[in-house]
Protein backbone atom coordinates (compact mmCIF):
# COMPACT_ATOMS: atom_id res chain seq x y z
CA UNK A 1 -0.04 -0.03 -0.02
CA UNK A 2 2.92 2.42 0.81
CA UNK A 3 4.53 1.77 -2.50
CA UNK A 4 1.22 2.30 -4.50
CA UNK A 5 0.68 5.56 -2.68
CA UNK A 6 4.22 6.93 -3.09
CA UNK A 7 4.93 5.39 -6.52
CA UNK A 8 1.58 5.02 -8.26
CA UNK A 9 3.20 4.46 -11.74
CA UNK A 10 4.97 1.36 -10.57
CA UNK A 11 3.62 -2.10 -11.17
CA UNK A 12 2.21 -4.08 -8.32
CA UNK A 13 4.90 -6.60 -7.07
CA UNK A 14 5.69 -8.40 -3.79
CA UNK A 15 8.92 -6.30 -3.60
CA UNK A 16 10.56 -3.58 -5.49
CA UNK A 17 13.84 -1.63 -5.62
CA UNK A 18 13.55 2.05 -6.02
CA UNK A 19 16.29 4.80 -6.76
CA UNK A 20 14.65 8.03 -5.73
CA UNK A 21 16.56 11.37 -5.52
CA UNK A 22 19.85 9.62 -5.10
CA UNK A 23 18.47 7.35 -2.24
CA UNK A 24 18.17 3.57 -2.65
CA UNK A 25 15.01 1.92 -1.22
CA UNK A 26 13.86 -1.69 -1.06
CA UNK A 27 10.21 -2.34 -0.34
CA UNK A 28 9.07 -5.88 0.35
CA UNK A 29 5.88 -7.57 1.52
CA UNK A 30 6.47 -9.73 4.61
CA UNK A 31 5.36 -13.10 3.42
CA UNK A 32 6.46 -16.58 2.36
CA UNK A 33 8.91 -15.25 -0.20
CA UNK A 34 10.43 -12.32 1.78
CA UNK A 35 13.96 -13.83 1.94
CA UNK A 36 14.01 -14.42 -1.82
CA UNK A 37 12.56 -11.06 -2.51
CA UNK A 38 15.03 -9.24 -0.24
CA UNK A 39 17.97 -11.04 -1.72
CA UNK A 40 16.73 -10.04 -5.25
CA UNK A 41 16.09 -6.39 -4.44
CA UNK A 42 19.12 -5.92 -2.28
CA UNK A 43 21.19 -7.16 -5.17
CA UNK A 44 19.71 -4.26 -7.24
CA UNK A 45 20.56 -1.84 -4.35
CA UNK A 46 24.13 -3.01 -4.17
CA UNK A 47 24.56 -2.96 -7.96
CA UNK A 48 23.18 0.55 -8.32
CA UNK A 49 25.24 1.90 -5.45
CA UNK A 50 28.40 0.50 -7.01
CA UNK A 51 28.23 0.03 -10.69
CA UNK A 52 26.72 3.03 -12.68
CA UNK A 53 25.28 2.34 -16.13
CA UNK A 54 24.66 -1.32 -15.57
CA UNK A 55 22.55 -2.80 -18.48
CA UNK A 56 19.09 -3.95 -17.47
CA UNK A 57 19.63 -7.49 -18.49
CA UNK A 58 22.76 -7.80 -16.28
CA UNK A 59 21.09 -6.03 -13.41
CA UNK A 60 18.10 -8.47 -13.48
CA UNK A 61 20.23 -11.43 -14.34
CA UNK A 62 22.42 -10.93 -11.27
CA UNK A 63 19.43 -10.32 -9.04
CA UNK A 64 17.69 -13.42 -10.37
CA UNK A 65 21.01 -15.42 -9.76
CA UNK A 66 21.49 -14.10 -6.17
CA UNK A 67 17.85 -14.34 -5.07
CA UNK A 68 18.14 -18.11 -4.96
CA UNK A 69 20.39 -18.03 -1.92
CA UNK A 70 23.91 -19.36 -1.16
CA UNK A 71 22.99 -22.94 -0.91
CA UNK A 72 21.45 -23.02 -4.45
CA UNK A 73 24.55 -21.57 -6.15
CA UNK A 74 22.26 -19.37 -8.29
CA UNK A 75 20.40 -22.33 -9.68
CA UNK A 76 16.75 -21.34 -10.48
CA UNK A 77 14.91 -24.54 -11.54
CA UNK A 78 11.72 -22.66 -12.76
CA UNK A 79 13.93 -20.72 -15.28
CA UNK A 80 15.61 -23.92 -16.34
CA UNK A 81 12.27 -25.52 -16.98
CA UNK A 82 10.92 -22.44 -18.79
CA UNK A 83 13.90 -22.07 -21.05
CA UNK A 84 14.08 -25.75 -21.90
CA UNK A 85 10.45 -25.86 -22.69
CA UNK A 86 10.57 -22.84 -25.00
CA UNK A 87 13.60 -24.26 -26.71
CA UNK A 88 11.77 -27.49 -27.29
CA UNK A 89 8.32 -26.19 -28.28
CA UNK A 90 9.11 -22.76 -29.77
CA UNK A 91 12.81 -23.10 -30.89
CA UNK A 92 13.85 -20.38 -28.53
CA UNK A 93 17.70 -19.74 -28.64
CA UNK A 94 19.79 -17.53 -26.30
CA UNK A 95 20.64 -14.22 -27.84
CA UNK A 96 22.69 -11.89 -25.55
CA UNK A 97 22.67 -9.01 -28.04
CA UNK A 98 18.92 -8.96 -28.06
CA UNK A 99 18.83 -8.79 -24.24
CA UNK A 100 21.23 -5.92 -24.38
CA UNK A 101 18.71 -3.84 -26.16
CA UNK A 102 16.26 -3.98 -23.22
CA UNK A 103 15.56 -0.76 -21.22
CA UNK A 104 12.50 -1.19 -19.41
CA UNK A 105 12.22 -3.69 -16.64
CA UNK A 106 8.40 -3.40 -16.47
CA UNK A 107 8.11 -4.45 -20.14
CA UNK A 108 10.45 -7.50 -19.54
CA UNK A 109 8.80 -10.90 -19.99
CA UNK A 110 9.30 -13.88 -17.85
CA UNK A 111 11.24 -15.51 -20.61
CA UNK A 112 13.61 -12.48 -20.78
CA UNK A 113 14.08 -12.61 -17.08
CA UNK A 114 14.97 -16.27 -17.28
CA UNK A 115 17.39 -15.71 -20.22
CA UNK A 116 19.22 -12.91 -18.30
CA UNK A 117 19.48 -15.31 -15.42
CA UNK A 118 20.87 -18.03 -17.80
CA UNK A 119 23.54 -15.78 -19.06
CA UNK A 120 24.70 -14.69 -15.61
CA UNK A 121 24.66 -18.29 -14.43
CA UNK A 122 26.62 -19.32 -17.43
CA UNK A 123 29.02 -16.47 -16.95
CA UNK A 124 29.60 -17.05 -13.18
CA UNK A 125 29.68 -20.81 -13.15
CA UNK A 126 32.19 -21.18 -16.14
CA UNK A 127 35.84 -20.37 -15.17
CA UNK A 128 36.67 -18.84 -18.53
CA UNK A 129 33.67 -16.47 -18.60
CA UNK A 130 33.72 -15.68 -14.71
CA UNK A 131 36.96 -13.61 -15.24
CA UNK A 132 35.40 -11.85 -18.26
CA UNK A 133 32.34 -10.83 -16.24
CA UNK A 134 34.47 -9.70 -13.35
CA UNK A 135 36.70 -7.54 -15.67
CA UNK A 136 33.61 -6.03 -17.26
CA UNK A 137 31.98 -5.13 -13.95
CA UNK A 138 35.20 -3.64 -12.55
CA UNK A 139 35.51 -1.51 -15.79
CA UNK A 140 31.90 -0.22 -15.38
CA UNK A 141 32.47 0.38 -11.68
CA UNK A 142 35.58 2.38 -12.48
CA UNK A 143 33.81 4.46 -15.07
CA UNK A 144 35.72 3.14 -18.01
CA UNK A 145 34.08 2.82 -21.40
CA UNK A 146 32.95 -0.90 -21.97
CA UNK A 147 32.00 -2.61 -25.12
CA UNK A 148 28.72 -4.58 -24.65
CA UNK A 149 29.44 -7.90 -22.94
CA UNK A 150 28.04 -9.65 -26.00
CA UNK A 151 30.73 -8.23 -28.23
CA UNK A 152 33.39 -9.23 -25.69
CA UNK A 153 31.97 -12.63 -25.18
CA UNK A 154 31.51 -13.46 -28.90
CA UNK A 155 34.89 -11.86 -29.76
CA UNK A 156 36.40 -14.54 -27.48
CA UNK A 157 33.97 -17.24 -28.49
CA UNK A 158 31.86 -16.97 -31.63
CA UNK A 159 29.77 -19.93 -30.40
CA UNK A 160 28.83 -18.27 -27.11
CA UNK A 161 25.04 -18.51 -27.75
CA UNK A 162 25.59 -22.33 -28.46
CA UNK A 163 27.76 -22.58 -25.25
CA UNK A 164 25.04 -20.93 -23.17
CA UNK A 165 22.40 -23.50 -24.59
CA UNK A 166 24.67 -26.27 -23.72
CA UNK A 167 25.05 -24.90 -20.21
CA UNK A 168 21.23 -24.90 -19.80
CA UNK A 169 21.11 -28.64 -20.94
CA UNK A 170 23.70 -29.44 -18.38
CA UNK A 171 21.63 -27.67 -15.71
CA UNK A 172 18.56 -29.47 -16.74
CA UNK A 173 20.28 -32.90 -16.50
CA UNK A 174 21.60 -32.07 -12.89
């Protein structure tokens, strides 16, 4: 109710992160999902406080990864199942460059959230790409100009989209 009154243009959600006049706020409904919601929204807060200009897909992908909690190592089973079913039924393929075009979180689909999570999970759980992500985030944090992560990733591995799909298949088989 407080969020609806203070931010009437925001969509109704269980929890939300707000950057307002230079202040960072997290609002969450106290319920069965409060720990998950707070991990997700606090991740946004930490990222916005430390890494200016973070692309939406990476902001949401990291929040989706960390909402699971330490014991889960970022594994979101519902995202795995959604992506696998969309791949099987509709021919969905990972496309990081398309995610990088997103600018409105309210317009993101469940599939786009899941794909953002997949890319982050792939980047953080693969030793070669973990260093690339850390370097990219450090450059953003330090205010340096950074090429889109897709250009860096595909420059190192032209088959990065295929590798992300293979990562998804391995997660499904766990």
